[in-house]
């Protein structure tokens, strides 16, 4: 799994590529926490277009990022979730964060 970040036009986009599971969730948590900490006034978007699979550990990381963003008053969105991943996020309570961009 790879995590990269790009800041452009007031949006910090954190791109995730690869499977997010119990073996990779820790790295994603660090990346997303860093993103929230450095977002400042920018909106933060988590791009999951490159994620074919996410398990409960990955969902927990996204929920953690959502909580951290709320505390830091950073607007957070999730984009690009493939159908399988989107279904998992929807039943996990993350549907309100999913946007088209």
PDB file of N, CA and C in Angstrom:
ATOM      1  N   UNK A   1       0.841  -1.166   0.000  1.00  0.00           N
ATOM      2  CA  UNK A   1       0.000   0.000   0.000  1.00  0.00           C
ATOM      3  C   UNK A   1       0.896   1.242   0.000  1.00  0.00           C
ATOM      4  N   UNK A   2       0.473   2.248  -0.777  1.00  0.00           N
ATOM      5  CA  UNK A   2       1.196   3.520  -0.841  1.00  0.00           C
ATOM      6  C   UNK A   2       0.247   4.656  -0.510  1.00  0.00           C
ATOM      7  N   UNK A   3       0.794   5.659   0.178  1.00  0.00           N
ATOM      8  CA  UNK A   3       0.041   6.862   0.526  1.00  0.00           C
ATOM      9  C   UNK A   3       0.857   8.051   0.051  1.00  0.00           C
ATOM     10  N   UNK A   4       0.225   8.945  -0.713  1.00  0.00           N
ATOM     11  CA  UNK A   4       0.901  10.161  -1.165  1.00  0.00           C
ATOM     12  C   UNK A   4      -0.062  11.329  -1.005  1.00  0.00           C
ATOM     13  N   UNK A   5       0.495  12.512  -0.916  1.00  0.00           N
ATOM     14  CA  UNK A   5      -0.339  13.698  -0.722  1.00  0.00           C
ATOM     15  C   UNK A   5       0.060  14.788  -1.696  1.00  0.00           C
ATOM     16  N   UNK A   6      -0.958  15.508  -2.192  1.00  0.00           N
ATOM     17  CA  UNK A   6      -0.772  16.623  -3.110  1.00  0.00           C
ATOM     18  C   UNK A   6      -1.682  17.755  -2.652  1.00  0.00           C
ATOM     19  N   UNK A   7      -1.126  18.954  -2.561  1.00  0.00           N
ATOM     20  CA  UNK A   7      -1.918  20.122  -2.187  1.00  0.00           C
ATOM     21  C   UNK A   7      -2.091  20.985  -3.432  1.00  0.00           C
ATOM     22  N   UNK A   8      -3.364  21.268  -3.763  1.00  0.00           N
ATOM     23  CA  UNK A   8      -3.652  22.037  -4.966  1.00  0.00           C
ATOM     24  C   UNK A   8      -4.976  22.777  -4.799  1.00  0.00           C
ATOM     25  N   UNK A   9      -4.959  24.062  -5.048  1.00  0.00           N
ATOM     26  CA  UNK A   9      -6.169  24.896  -5.049  1.00  0.00           C
ATOM     27  C   UNK A   9      -7.002  24.746  -3.776  1.00  0.00           C
ATOM     28  N   UNK A  10      -6.340  24.795  -2.627  1.00  0.00           N
ATOM     29  CA  UNK A  10      -7.061  24.743  -1.366  1.00  0.00           C
ATOM     30  C   UNK A  10      -7.552  23.367  -0.958  1.00  0.00           C
ATOM     31  N   UNK A  11      -7.027  22.331  -1.601  1.00  0.00           N
ATOM     32  CA  UNK A  11      -7.424  20.960  -1.265  1.00  0.00           C
ATOM     33  C   UNK A  11      -6.166  20.116  -1.084  1.00  0.00           C
ATOM     34  N   UNK A  12      -6.088  19.441   0.052  1.00  0.00           N
ATOM     35  CA  UNK A  12      -5.032  18.463   0.287  1.00  0.00           C
ATOM     36  C   UNK A  12      -5.611  17.098  -0.061  1.00  0.00           C
ATOM     37  N   UNK A  13      -5.101  16.492  -1.133  1.00  0.00           N
ATOM     38  CA  UNK A  13      -5.590  15.181  -1.559  1.00  0.00           C
ATOM     39  C   UNK A  13      -4.595  14.116  -1.121  1.00  0.00           C
ATOM     40  N   UNK A  14      -5.086  13.169  -0.342  1.00  0.00           N
ATOM     41  CA  UNK A  14      -4.273  12.039   0.101  1.00  0.00           C
ATOM     42  C   UNK A  14      -4.711  10.838  -0.727  1.00  0.00           C
ATOM     43  N   UNK A  15      -3.816  10.374  -1.585  1.00  0.00           N
ATOM     44  CA  UNK A  15      -4.123   9.242  -2.473  1.00  0.00           C
ATOM     45  C   UNK A  15      -3.609   7.950  -1.848  1.00  0.00           C
ATOM     46  N   UNK A  16      -4.474   6.967  -1.835  1.00  0.00           N
ATOM     47  CA  UNK A  16      -4.140   5.669  -1.270  1.00  0.00           C
ATOM     48  C   UNK A  16      -4.193   4.643  -2.392  1.00  0.00           C
ATOM     49  N   UNK A  17      -3.157   3.816  -2.488  1.00  0.00           N
ATOM     50  CA  UNK A  17      -3.113   2.782  -3.521  1.00  0.00           C
ATOM     51  C   UNK A  17      -2.749   1.451  -2.880  1.00  0.00           C
ATOM     52  N   UNK A  18      -3.547   0.441  -3.179  1.00  0.00           N
ATOM     53  CA  UNK A  18      -3.301  -0.899  -2.653  1.00  0.00           C
ATOM     54  C   UNK A  18      -4.346  -1.294  -1.625  1.00  0.00           C
ATOM     55  N   UNK A  19      -4.233  -2.513  -1.159  1.00  0.00           N
ATOM     56  CA  UNK A  19      -5.192  -3.042  -0.188  1.00  0.00           C
ATOM     57  C   UNK A  19      -4.941  -2.420   1.181  1.00  0.00           C
ATOM     58  N   UNK A  20      -6.036  -2.062   1.851  1.00  0.00           N
ATOM     59  CA  UNK A  20      -5.943  -1.520   3.199  1.00  0.00           C
ATOM     60  C   UNK A  20      -6.496  -2.586   4.141  1.00  0.00           C
ATOM     61  N   UNK A  21      -5.599  -3.221   4.878  1.00  0.00           N
ATOM     62  CA  UNK A  21      -5.988  -4.287   5.792  1.00  0.00           C
ATOM     63  C   UNK A  21      -5.190  -4.159   7.080  1.00  0.00           C
ATOM     64  N   UNK A  22      -5.265  -5.150   7.936  1.00  0.00           N
ATOM     65  CA  UNK A  22      -4.605  -5.048   9.234  1.00  0.00           C
ATOM     66  C   UNK A  22      -3.090  -4.906   9.117  1.00  0.00           C
ATOM     67  N   UNK A  23      -2.523  -5.365   8.014  1.00  0.00           N
ATOM     68  CA  UNK A  23      -1.079  -5.260   7.827  1.00  0.00           C
ATOM     69  C   UNK A  23      -0.641  -3.871   7.372  1.00  0.00           C
ATOM     70  N   UNK A  24      -1.542  -3.114   6.761  1.00  0.00           N
ATOM     71  CA  UNK A  24      -1.174  -1.799   6.217  1.00  0.00           C
ATOM     72  C   UNK A  24      -1.892  -0.639   6.901  1.00  0.00           C
ATOM     73  N   UNK A  25      -2.858  -0.940   7.743  1.00  0.00           N
ATOM     74  CA  UNK A  25      -3.679   0.110   8.362  1.00  0.00           C
ATOM     75  C   UNK A  25      -2.856   1.095   9.185  1.00  0.00           C
ATOM     76  N   UNK A  26      -1.834   0.625   9.862  1.00  0.00           N
ATOM     77  CA  UNK A  26      -0.996   1.512  10.678  1.00  0.00           C
ATOM     78  C   UNK A  26      -0.334   2.594   9.850  1.00  0.00           C
ATOM     79  N   UNK A  27       0.198   2.217   8.695  1.00  0.00           N
ATOM     80  CA  UNK A  27       0.828   3.200   7.806  1.00  0.00           C
ATOM     81  C   UNK A  27      -0.190   4.220   7.311  1.00  0.00           C
ATOM     82  N   UNK A  28      -1.397   3.748   6.996  1.00  0.00           N
ATOM     83  CA  UNK A  28      -2.422   4.673   6.532  1.00  0.00           C
ATOM     84  C   UNK A  28      -2.824   5.624   7.654  1.00  0.00           C
ATOM     85  N   UNK A  29      -2.953   5.123   8.876  1.00  0.00           N
ATOM     86  CA  UNK A  29      -3.314   5.963  10.010  1.00  0.00           C
ATOM     87  C   UNK A  29      -2.294   7.103  10.180  1.00  0.00           C
ATOM     88  N   UNK A  30      -1.022   6.767  10.096  1.00  0.00           N
ATOM     89  CA  UNK A  30       0.028   7.788  10.219  1.00  0.00           C
ATOM     90  C   UNK A  30      -0.099   8.820   9.105  1.00  0.00           C
ATOM     91  N   UNK A  31      -0.294   8.361   7.880  1.00  0.00           N
ATOM     92  CA  UNK A  31      -0.420   9.270   6.741  1.00  0.00           C
ATOM     93  C   UNK A  31      -1.618  10.194   6.859  1.00  0.00           C
ATOM     94  N   UNK A  32      -2.755   9.642   7.285  1.00  0.00           N
ATOM     95  CA  UNK A  32      -3.959  10.474   7.398  1.00  0.00           C
ATOM     96  C   UNK A  32      -3.870  11.425   8.578  1.00  0.00           C
ATOM     97  N   UNK A  33      -3.307  10.985   9.680  1.00  0.00           N
ATOM     98  CA  UNK A  33      -3.128  11.877  10.831  1.00  0.00           C
ATOM     99  C   UNK A  33      -2.193  13.035  10.458  1.00  0.00           C
ATOM    100  N   UNK A  34      -1.136  12.736   9.708  1.00  0.00           N
ATOM    101  CA  UNK A  34      -0.223  13.788   9.248  1.00  0.00           C
ATOM    102  C   UNK A  34      -0.970  14.757   8.326  1.00  0.00           C
ATOM    103  N   UNK A  35      -1.800  14.221   7.444  1.00  0.00           N
ATOM    104  CA  UNK A  35      -2.585  15.061   6.548  1.00  0.00           C
ATOM    105  C   UNK A  35      -3.500  16.001   7.307  1.00  0.00           C
ATOM    106  N   UNK A  36      -4.196  15.488   8.307  1.00  0.00           N
ATOM    107  CA  UNK A  36      -5.085  16.329   9.115  1.00  0.00           C
ATOM    108  C   UNK A  36      -4.277  17.414   9.818  1.00  0.00           C
ATOM    109  N   UNK A  37      -3.124  17.038  10.353  1.00  0.00           N
ATOM    110  CA  UNK A  37      -2.297  17.994  11.093  1.00  0.00           C
ATOM    111  C   UNK A  37      -1.746  19.105  10.208  1.00  0.00           C
ATOM    112  N   UNK A  38      -1.535  18.811   8.931  1.00  0.00           N
ATOM    113  CA  UNK A  38      -0.936  19.800   8.038  1.00  0.00           C
ATOM    114  C   UNK A  38      -1.931  20.443   7.073  1.00  0.00           C
ATOM    115  N   UNK A  39      -3.194  20.042   7.140  1.00  0.00           N
ATOM    116  CA  UNK A  39      -4.186  20.568   6.199  1.00  0.00           C
ATOM    117  C   UNK A  39      -4.414  22.061   6.383  1.00  0.00           C
ATOM    118  N   UNK A  40      -4.311  22.545   7.612  1.00  0.00           N
ATOM    119  CA  UNK A  40      -4.571  23.969   7.853  1.00  0.00           C
ATOM    120  C   UNK A  40      -5.976  24.322   7.411  1.00  0.00           C
ATOM    121  N   UNK A  41      -6.116  25.418   6.678  1.00  0.00           N
ATOM    122  CA  UNK A  41      -7.454  25.826   6.238  1.00  0.00           C
ATOM    123  C   UNK A  41      -7.961  25.042   5.023  1.00  0.00           C
ATOM    124  N   UNK A  42      -7.105  24.212   4.458  1.00  0.00           N
ATOM    125  CA  UNK A  42      -7.486  23.466   3.263  1.00  0.00           C
ATOM    126  C   UNK A  42      -8.460  22.338   3.592  1.00  0.00           C
ATOM    127  N   UNK A  43      -9.249  21.992   2.593  1.00  0.00           N
ATOM    128  CA  UNK A  43     -10.111  20.810   2.667  1.00  0.00           C
ATOM    129  C   UNK A  43      -9.211  19.603   2.441  1.00  0.00           C
ATOM    130  N   UNK A  44      -9.493  18.485   3.100  1.00  0.00           N
ATOM    131  CA  UNK A  44      -8.715  17.268   2.902  1.00  0.00           C
ATOM    132  C   UNK A  44      -9.610  16.218   2.252  1.00  0.00           C
ATOM    133  N   UNK A  45      -9.092  15.614   1.200  1.00  0.00           N
ATOM    134  CA  UNK A  45      -9.825  14.580   0.465  1.00  0.00           C
ATOM    135  C   UNK A  45      -8.983  13.311   0.468  1.00  0.00           C
ATOM    136  N   UNK A  46      -9.617  12.212   0.829  1.00  0.00           N
ATOM    137  CA  UNK A  46      -8.957  10.910   0.768  1.00  0.00           C
ATOM    138  C   UNK A  46      -9.422  10.233  -0.514  1.00  0.00           C
ATOM    139  N   UNK A  47      -8.487  10.011  -1.435  1.00  0.00           N
ATOM    140  CA  UNK A  47      -8.785   9.410  -2.733  1.00  0.00           C
ATOM    141  C   UNK A  47      -8.526   7.908  -2.651  1.00  0.00           C
ATOM    142  N   UNK A  48      -9.592   7.136  -2.719  1.00  0.00           N
ATOM    143  CA  UNK A  48      -9.493   5.685  -2.608  1.00  0.00           C
ATOM    144  C   UNK A  48      -9.627   4.975  -3.954  1.00  0.00           C
ATOM    145  N   UNK A  49      -9.451   5.689  -5.057  1.00  0.00           N
ATOM    146  CA  UNK A  49      -9.613   5.082  -6.383  1.00  0.00           C
ATOM    147  C   UNK A  49      -8.676   3.897  -6.587  1.00  0.00           C
ATOM    148  N   UNK A  50      -7.520   3.903  -5.945  1.00  0.00           N
ATOM    149  CA  UNK A  50      -6.550   2.829  -6.101  1.00  0.00           C
ATOM    150  C   UNK A  50      -6.650   1.751  -5.042  1.00  0.00           C
ATOM    151  N   UNK A  51      -7.778   1.706  -4.325  1.00  0.00           N
ATOM    152  CA  UNK A  51      -7.959   0.724  -3.243  1.00  0.00           C
ATOM    153  C   UNK A  51      -9.005  -0.309  -3.656  1.00  0.00           C
ATOM    154  N   UNK A  52      -8.573  -1.533  -3.970  1.00  0.00           N
ATOM    155  CA  UNK A  52      -9.533  -2.559  -4.374  1.00  0.00           C
ATOM    156  C   UNK A  52     -10.198  -3.269  -3.190  1.00  0.00           C
ATOM    157  N   UNK A  53      -9.576  -3.179  -1.994  1.00  0.00           N
ATOM    158  CA  UNK A  53     -10.064  -3.918  -0.833  1.00  0.00           C
ATOM    159  C   UNK A  53      -9.772  -3.140   0.439  1.00  0.00           C
ATOM    160  N   UNK A  54     -10.749  -3.117   1.338  1.00  0.00           N
ATOM    161  CA  UNK A  54     -10.545  -2.521   2.656  1.00  0.00           C
ATOM    162  C   UNK A  54     -11.236  -3.419   3.671  1.00  0.00           C
ATOM    163  N   UNK A  55     -10.560  -3.659   4.805  1.00  0.00           N
ATOM    164  CA  UNK A  55     -11.179  -4.495   5.834  1.00  0.00           C
ATOM    165  C   UNK A  55     -11.512  -3.644   7.050  1.00  0.00           C
ATOM    166  N   UNK A  56     -11.892  -4.290   8.132  1.00  0.00           N
ATOM    167  CA  UNK A  56     -12.318  -3.576   9.337  1.00  0.00           C
ATOM    168  C   UNK A  56     -11.217  -2.670   9.887  1.00  0.00           C
ATOM    169  N   UNK A  57      -9.966  -3.088   9.784  1.00  0.00           N
ATOM    170  CA  UNK A  57      -8.865  -2.251  10.263  1.00  0.00           C
ATOM    171  C   UNK A  57      -8.768  -0.973   9.437  1.00  0.00           C
ATOM    172  N   UNK A  58      -8.979  -1.078   8.142  1.00  0.00           N
ATOM    173  CA  UNK A  58      -8.963   0.098   7.273  1.00  0.00           C
ATOM    174  C   UNK A  58     -10.120   1.030   7.557  1.00  0.00           C
ATOM    175  N   UNK A  59     -11.290   0.465   7.796  1.00  0.00           N
ATOM    176  CA  UNK A  59     -12.457   1.275   8.141  1.00  0.00           C
ATOM    177  C   UNK A  59     -12.198   2.018   9.451  1.00  0.00           C
ATOM    178  N   UNK A  60     -11.599   1.331  10.415  1.00  0.00           N
ATOM    179  CA  UNK A  60     -11.280   1.969  11.696  1.00  0.00           C
ATOM    180  C   UNK A  60     -10.342   3.156  11.496  1.00  0.00           C
ATOM    181  N   UNK A  61      -9.395   3.031  10.584  1.00  0.00           N
ATOM    182  CA  UNK A  61      -8.470   4.134  10.296  1.00  0.00           C
ATOM    183  C   UNK A  61      -9.232   5.315   9.699  1.00  0.00           C
ATOM    184  N   UNK A  62     -10.158   5.052   8.784  1.00  0.00           N
ATOM    185  CA  UNK A  62     -10.935   6.141   8.183  1.00  0.00           C
ATOM    186  C   UNK A  62     -11.843   6.809   9.216  1.00  0.00           C
ATOM    187  N   UNK A  63     -12.410   6.028  10.112  1.00  0.00           N
ATOM    188  CA  UNK A  63     -13.211   6.605  11.192  1.00  0.00           C
ATOM    189  C   UNK A  63     -12.350   7.465  12.111  1.00  0.00           C
ATOM    190  N   UNK A  64     -11.137   7.007  12.386  1.00  0.00           N
ATOM    191  CA  UNK A  64     -10.190   7.778  13.188  1.00  0.00           C
ATOM    192  C   UNK A  64      -9.839   9.092  12.499  1.00  0.00           C
ATOM    193  N   UNK A  65      -9.599   9.031  11.201  1.00  0.00           N
ATOM    194  CA  UNK A  65      -9.278  10.247  10.446  1.00  0.00           C
ATOM    195  C   UNK A  65     -10.451  11.220  10.466  1.00  0.00           C
ATOM    196  N   UNK A  66     -11.654  10.683  10.372  1.00  0.00           N
ATOM    197  CA  UNK A  66     -12.843  11.525  10.422  1.00  0.00           C
ATOM    198  C   UNK A  66     -12.947  12.240  11.766  1.00  0.00           C
ATOM    199  N   UNK A  67     -12.701  11.520  12.839  1.00  0.00           N
ATOM    200  CA  UNK A  67     -12.736  12.122  14.177  1.00  0.00           C
ATOM    201  C   UNK A  67     -11.645  13.169  14.341  1.00  0.00           C
ATOM    202  N   UNK A  68     -10.444  12.850  13.886  1.00  0.00           N
ATOM    203  CA  UNK A  68      -9.332  13.787  13.998  1.00  0.00           C
ATOM    204  C   UNK A  68      -9.603  15.058  13.193  1.00  0.00           C
ATOM    205  N   UNK A  69     -10.184  14.896  12.009  1.00  0.00           N
ATOM    206  CA  UNK A  69     -10.506  16.052  11.174  1.00  0.00           C
ATOM    207  C   UNK A  69     -11.568  16.917  11.846  1.00  0.00           C
ATOM    208  N   UNK A  70     -12.562  16.290  12.458  1.00  0.00           N
ATOM    209  CA  UNK A  70     -13.612  17.052  13.142  1.00  0.00           C
ATOM    210  C   UNK A  70     -13.025  17.868  14.289  1.00  0.00           C
ATOM    211  N   UNK A  71     -12.139  17.267  15.070  1.00  0.00           N
ATOM    212  CA  UNK A  71     -11.507  17.973  16.182  1.00  0.00           C
ATOM    213  C   UNK A  71     -10.660  19.139  15.667  1.00  0.00           C
ATOM    214  N   UNK A  72      -9.957  18.923  14.550  1.00  0.00           N
ATOM    215  CA  UNK A  72      -9.084  19.957  13.979  1.00  0.00           C
ATOM    216  C   UNK A  72      -9.843  20.955  13.111  1.00  0.00           C
ATOM    217  N   UNK A  73     -11.163  20.731  12.965  1.00  0.00           N
ATOM    218  CA  UNK A  73     -12.011  21.577  12.125  1.00  0.00           C
ATOM    219  C   UNK A  73     -11.531  21.607  10.675  1.00  0.00           C
ATOM    220  N   UNK A  74     -11.152  20.435  10.180  1.00  0.00           N
ATOM    221  CA  UNK A  74     -10.736  20.256   8.791  1.00  0.00           C
ATOM    222  C   UNK A  74     -11.883  19.558   8.065  1.00  0.00           C
ATOM    223  N   UNK A  75     -12.349  20.160   6.975  1.00  0.00           N
ATOM    224  CA  UNK A  75     -13.393  19.528   6.161  1.00  0.00           C
ATOM    225  C   UNK A  75     -12.792  18.304   5.487  1.00  0.00           C
ATOM    226  N   UNK A  76     -13.463  17.161   5.592  1.00  0.00           N
ATOM    227  CA  UNK A  76     -12.935  15.902   5.085  1.00  0.00           C
ATOM    228  C   UNK A  76     -13.924  15.260   4.126  1.00  0.00           C
ATOM    229  N   UNK A  77     -13.398  14.700   3.046  1.00  0.00           N
ATOM    230  CA  UNK A  77     -14.219  13.965   2.093  1.00  0.00           C
ATOM    231  C   UNK A  77     -13.487  12.726   1.619  1.00  0.00           C
ATOM    232  N   UNK A  78     -14.243  11.768   1.132  1.00  0.00           N
ATOM    233  CA  UNK A  78     -13.686  10.544   0.553  1.00  0.00           C
ATOM    234  C   UNK A  78     -14.186  10.458  -0.880  1.00  0.00           C
ATOM    235  N   UNK A  79     -13.270  10.269  -1.818  1.00  0.00           N
ATOM    236  CA  UNK A  79     -13.635  10.184  -3.233  1.00  0.00           C
ATOM    237  C   UNK A  79     -13.062   8.911  -3.849  1.00  0.00           C
ATOM    238  N   UNK A  80     -13.634   8.522  -4.980  1.00  0.00           N
ATOM    239  CA  UNK A  80     -13.073   7.461  -5.810  1.00  0.00           C
ATOM    240  C   UNK A  80     -13.241   6.051  -5.313  1.00  0.00           C
ATOM    241  N   UNK A  81     -14.052   5.821  -4.307  1.00  0.00           N
ATOM    242  CA  UNK A  81     -14.199   4.458  -3.780  1.00  0.00           C
ATOM    243  C   UNK A  81     -14.819   3.545  -4.832  1.00  0.00           C
ATOM    244  N   UNK A  82     -14.161   2.432  -5.099  1.00  0.00           N
ATOM    245  CA  UNK A  82     -14.691   1.429  -6.013  1.00  0.00           C
ATOM    246  C   UNK A  82     -15.949   0.824  -5.393  1.00  0.00           C
ATOM    247  N   UNK A  83     -16.837   0.236  -6.187  1.00  0.00           N
ATOM    248  CA  UNK A  83     -18.132  -0.241  -5.668  1.00  0.00           C
ATOM    249  C   UNK A  83     -18.038  -1.113  -4.415  1.00  0.00           C
ATOM    250  N   UNK A  84     -17.119  -2.070  -4.389  1.00  0.00           N
ATOM    251  CA  UNK A  84     -16.986  -2.945  -3.223  1.00  0.00           C
ATOM    252  C   UNK A  84     -16.596  -2.145  -1.984  1.00  0.00           C
ATOM    253  N   UNK A  85     -15.612  -1.285  -2.145  1.00  0.00           N
ATOM    254  CA  UNK A  85     -15.144  -0.454  -1.034  1.00  0.00           C
ATOM    255  C   UNK A  85     -16.243   0.516  -0.605  1.00  0.00           C
ATOM    256  N   UNK A  86     -16.944   1.100  -1.562  1.00  0.00           N
ATOM    257  CA  UNK A  86     -18.021   2.049  -1.248  1.00  0.00           C
ATOM    258  C   UNK A  86     -19.113   1.377  -0.420  1.00  0.00           C
ATOM    259  N   UNK A  87     -19.449   0.142  -0.732  1.00  0.00           N
ATOM    260  CA  UNK A  87     -20.472  -0.576   0.044  1.00  0.00           C
ATOM    261  C   UNK A  87     -20.015  -0.776   1.489  1.00  0.00           C
ATOM    262  N   UNK A  88     -18.760  -1.132   1.663  1.00  0.00           N
ATOM    263  CA  UNK A  88     -18.231  -1.333   3.014  1.00  0.00           C
ATOM    264  C   UNK A  88     -18.253  -0.015   3.788  1.00  0.00           C
ATOM    265  N   UNK A  89     -17.842   1.064   3.140  1.00  0.00           N
ATOM    266  CA  UNK A  89     -17.837   2.368   3.806  1.00  0.00           C
ATOM    267  C   UNK A  89     -19.251   2.807   4.154  1.00  0.00           C
ATOM    268  N   UNK A  90     -20.193   2.533   3.273  1.00  0.00           N
ATOM    269  CA  UNK A  90     -21.583   2.938   3.508  1.00  0.00           C
ATOM    270  C   UNK A  90     -22.158   2.260   4.750  1.00  0.00           C
ATOM    271  N   UNK A  91     -21.928   0.971   4.904  1.00  0.00           N
ATOM    272  CA  UNK A  91     -22.471   0.254   6.061  1.00  0.00           C
ATOM    273  C   UNK A  91     -21.686   0.541   7.329  1.00  0.00           C
ATOM    274  N   UNK A  92     -20.530   1.187   7.187  1.00  0.00           N
ATOM    275  CA  UNK A  92     -19.688   1.518   8.341  1.00  0.00           C
ATOM    276  C   UNK A  92     -19.937   2.922   8.866  1.00  0.00           C
ATOM    277  N   UNK A  93     -20.883   3.620   8.261  1.00  0.00           N
ATOM    278  CA  UNK A  93     -21.200   4.971   8.720  1.00  0.00           C
ATOM    279  C   UNK A  93     -20.390   6.062   8.064  1.00  0.00           C
ATOM    280  N   UNK A  94     -19.638   5.737   7.038  1.00  0.00           N
ATOM    281  CA  UNK A  94     -18.804   6.733   6.367  1.00  0.00           C
ATOM    282  C   UNK A  94     -19.441   7.309   5.103  1.00  0.00           C
ATOM    283  N   UNK A  95     -20.647   6.884   4.775  1.00  0.00           N
ATOM    284  CA  UNK A  95     -21.322   7.371   3.567  1.00  0.00           C
ATOM    285  C   UNK A  95     -21.418   8.896   3.495  1.00  0.00           C
ATOM    286  N   UNK A  96     -21.664   9.599   4.608  1.00  0.00           N
ATOM    287  CA  UNK A  96     -21.763  11.065   4.512  1.00  0.00           C
ATOM    288  C   UNK A  96     -20.479  11.746   4.028  1.00  0.00           C
ATOM    289  N   UNK A  97     -19.346  11.065   4.150  1.00  0.00           N
ATOM    290  CA  UNK A  97     -18.082  11.660   3.712  1.00  0.00           C
ATOM    291  C   UNK A  97     -17.800  11.404   2.234  1.00  0.00           C
ATOM    292  N   UNK A  98     -18.504  10.458   1.626  1.00  0.00           N
ATOM    293  CA  UNK A  98     -18.231  10.119   0.240  1.00  0.00           C
ATOM    294  C   UNK A  98     -18.834  11.167  -0.693  1.00  0.00           C
ATOM    295  N   UNK A  99     -17.974  11.686  -1.584  1.00  0.00           N
ATOM    296  CA  UNK A  99     -18.386  12.716  -2.524  1.00  0.00           C
ATOM    297  C   UNK A  99     -17.883  12.357  -3.908  1.00  0.00           C
ATOM    298  N   UNK A 100     -18.299  13.170  -4.888  1.00  0.00           N
ATOM    299  CA  UNK A 100     -17.826  12.971  -6.259  1.00  0.00           C
ATOM    300  C   UNK A 100     -16.533  13.724  -6.537  1.00  0.00           C
ATOM    301  N   UNK A 101     -16.060  14.523  -5.598  1.00  0.00           N
ATOM    302  CA  UNK A 101     -14.820  15.243  -5.866  1.00  0.00           C
ATOM    303  C   UNK A 101     -14.645  16.463  -5.102  1.00  0.00           C
TER     304      UNK A 101
END
